[in-house]
Amino acid sequence: MPSQSFMMFLLFWGFVLLIFMSIGGFFMFRKFMKVLPKADGKSKLDWQNHYVDASRHLWTDASKLFLEKLVSPVPAPFRDIARHSIAAKIGQVALEKGAGEVTEQHCIEGYILATPKRDYKSLVSFLEKNGIDYTPYRHLLN
């Protein structure tokens, strides 16, 4: 018969594995929801890919560097995903305005639009810390 300490060890690791699987399942479900088609037949990821591809020729070296600066506070494991979704929103903004190239103003507006409302406090603090003027887009934060 197994000892009491060994049983507690098994229960502890069983609980830890259950927690980790629950967290992983949550993120997998979120990704699954992004792939489901909307009313227009395209998913959120389809639209992101469309705007990234359609605006690829508008990006300059300066705007790419500014995008890298904007995604720098995102943790490294999530940075590629964040870069893609922010670049898609910036591309959408630039295309809708008929711009000839992506400017810093397009990047700031797209960055604000791509950021979830729950992260606005850290977004504002990051912009202020880096001396980035976001006053023309303050209305988007409401």
Protein backbone atom coordinates (compact mmCIF):
# COMPACT_ATOMS: atom_id res chain seq x y z
CA MET A 1 0.00 0.00 0.00
CA PRO A 2 1.45 3.41 -1.00
CA SER A 3 2.51 5.76 1.74
CA GLN A 4 0.54 8.86 2.67
CA SER A 5 3.25 11.22 1.37
CA PHE A 6 3.34 9.46 -2.02
CA MET A 7 -0.45 9.81 -2.33
CA MET A 8 -0.21 13.52 -1.52
CA PHE A 9 2.55 13.85 -4.12
CA LEU A 10 0.33 12.23 -6.78
CA LEU A 11 -2.66 14.40 -5.85
CA PHE A 12 -0.54 17.56 -5.98
CA TRP A 13 0.83 16.80 -9.45
CA GLY A 14 -2.58 15.71 -10.68
CA PHE A 15 -3.94 19.07 -9.57
CA VAL A 16 -1.03 20.95 -11.22
CA LEU A 17 -1.56 19.08 -14.51
CA LEU A 18 -5.29 19.81 -14.42
CA ILE A 19 -4.59 23.54 -13.95
CA PHE A 20 -2.07 23.61 -16.82
CA MET A 21 -4.42 21.73 -19.16
CA SER A 22 -7.23 24.15 -18.28
CA ILE A 23 -5.07 27.16 -19.08
CA GLY A 24 -3.94 25.62 -22.38
CA GLY A 25 -7.52 24.73 -23.27
CA PHE A 26 -8.60 28.31 -22.63
CA PHE A 27 -6.03 29.68 -25.08
CA MET A 28 -6.83 27.01 -27.66
CA PHE A 29 -10.52 27.91 -27.42
CA ARG A 30 -9.72 31.61 -27.95
CA LYS A 31 -7.70 30.74 -31.06
CA PHE A 32 -10.54 28.53 -32.30
CA MET A 33 -12.99 31.42 -31.93
CA LYS A 34 -10.78 33.63 -34.12
CA VAL A 35 -10.85 31.04 -36.92
CA LEU A 36 -14.65 30.77 -37.08
CA PRO A 37 -16.11 32.63 -40.07
CA LYS A 38 -18.15 35.76 -39.43
CA ALA A 39 -21.29 36.86 -41.33
CA ASP A 40 -19.19 37.91 -44.34
CA GLY A 41 -17.65 34.43 -44.64
CA LYS A 42 -14.17 35.44 -43.46
CA SER A 43 -12.74 34.90 -40.00
CA LYS A 44 -10.88 37.46 -37.92
CA LEU A 45 -7.59 35.81 -38.91
CA ASP A 46 -8.57 35.92 -42.61
CA TRP A 47 -9.14 39.67 -42.34
CA GLN A 48 -5.87 40.16 -40.50
CA ASN A 49 -3.98 38.29 -43.20
CA HIS A 50 -5.79 40.28 -45.89
CA TYR A 51 -4.84 43.65 -44.39
CA VAL A 52 -1.24 42.60 -43.77
CA ASP A 53 -0.86 41.41 -47.39
CA ALA A 54 -2.73 44.36 -48.91
CA SER A 55 -0.67 46.93 -47.01
CA ARG A 56 2.73 45.23 -47.30
CA HIS A 57 3.91 47.65 -49.99
CA LEU A 58 3.01 50.67 -47.82
CA TRP A 59 5.44 49.86 -45.01
CA THR A 60 8.69 51.82 -44.86
CA ASP A 61 11.76 50.95 -42.81
CA ALA A 62 10.89 53.74 -40.36
CA SER A 63 7.33 52.45 -39.86
CA LYS A 64 8.61 48.89 -39.35
CA LEU A 65 11.02 50.13 -36.67
CA PHE A 66 8.21 52.08 -35.02
CA LEU A 67 6.05 48.94 -35.03
CA GLU A 68 8.87 47.06 -33.30
CA LYS A 69 9.02 49.80 -30.69
CA LEU A 70 5.27 49.53 -30.14
CA VAL A 71 5.31 45.75 -29.63
CA SER A 72 8.39 45.80 -27.39
CA PRO A 73 6.38 45.69 -24.10
CA VAL A 74 4.60 42.51 -25.20
CA PRO A 75 6.17 39.36 -23.65
CA ALA A 76 8.45 37.57 -26.12
CA PRO A 77 6.32 34.40 -26.55
CA PHE A 78 3.34 36.51 -27.66
CA ARG A 79 5.18 39.21 -29.58
CA ASP A 80 4.83 37.65 -33.06
CA ILE A 81 1.08 37.28 -32.69
CA ALA A 82 0.75 40.81 -31.32
CA ARG A 83 2.94 42.21 -34.13
CA HIS A 84 0.74 40.53 -36.74
CA SER A 85 -2.56 41.73 -35.31
CA ILE A 86 -1.28 45.28 -34.72
CA ALA A 87 0.25 45.42 -38.22
CA ALA A 88 -3.08 44.26 -39.65
CA LYS A 89 -4.96 47.05 -37.86
CA ILE A 90 -2.34 49.63 -38.91
CA GLY A 91 -2.59 48.38 -42.50
CA GLN A 92 -6.37 48.62 -42.36
CA VAL A 93 -6.17 52.23 -41.11
CA ALA A 94 -3.66 53.18 -43.83
CA LEU A 95 -5.67 51.50 -46.60
CA GLU A 96 -8.96 53.07 -45.50
CA LYS A 97 -7.34 56.51 -45.54
CA GLY A 98 -5.84 55.87 -48.98
CA ALA A 99 -2.31 56.56 -47.76
CA GLY A 100 0.73 56.21 -49.96
CA GLU A 101 2.76 54.80 -47.08
CA VAL A 102 2.32 53.82 -43.44
CA THR A 103 3.21 56.77 -41.22
CA GLU A 104 3.83 57.07 -37.51
CA GLN A 105 0.32 58.52 -37.12
CA HIS A 106 -1.19 55.42 -38.77
CA CYS A 107 0.88 53.27 -36.41
CA ILE A 108 -0.34 55.10 -33.31
CA GLU A 109 -3.99 54.95 -34.39
CA GLY A 110 -3.76 51.29 -35.39
CA TYR A 111 -1.93 50.43 -32.17
CA ILE A 112 -4.70 52.00 -30.08
CA LEU A 113 -7.44 50.31 -32.14
CA ALA A 114 -5.72 46.90 -31.95
CA THR A 115 -5.23 47.06 -28.18
CA PRO A 116 -8.02 45.57 -26.03
CA LYS A 117 -9.78 48.05 -23.71
CA ARG A 118 -8.51 46.21 -20.62
CA ASP A 119 -4.93 47.17 -21.60
CA TYR A 120 -5.52 50.90 -22.21
CA LYS A 121 -3.92 51.89 -18.91
CA SER A 122 -0.62 50.19 -19.78
CA LEU A 123 -0.87 51.45 -23.39
CA VAL A 124 -1.16 55.07 -22.23
CA SER A 125 1.67 54.63 -19.75
CA PHE A 126 3.89 53.11 -22.48
CA LEU A 127 3.12 55.93 -24.94
CA GLU A 128 3.78 58.61 -22.32
CA LYS A 129 6.99 56.92 -21.12
CA ASN A 130 8.30 56.90 -24.69
CA GLY A 131 7.22 60.47 -25.45
CA ILE A 132 4.77 59.44 -28.17
CA ASP A 133 2.05 62.04 -28.74
CA TYR A 134 -1.32 60.32 -28.85
CA THR A 135 -3.51 63.37 -28.17
CA PRO A 136 -5.17 63.31 -31.65
CA TYR A 137 -6.37 59.77 -30.83
CA ARG A 138 -7.36 60.26 -27.20
CA HIS A 139 -11.02 59.91 -28.24
CA LEU A 140 -10.34 56.29 -29.27
CA LEU A 141 -9.48 55.44 -25.66
CA ASN A 142 -13.02 56.09 -24.43
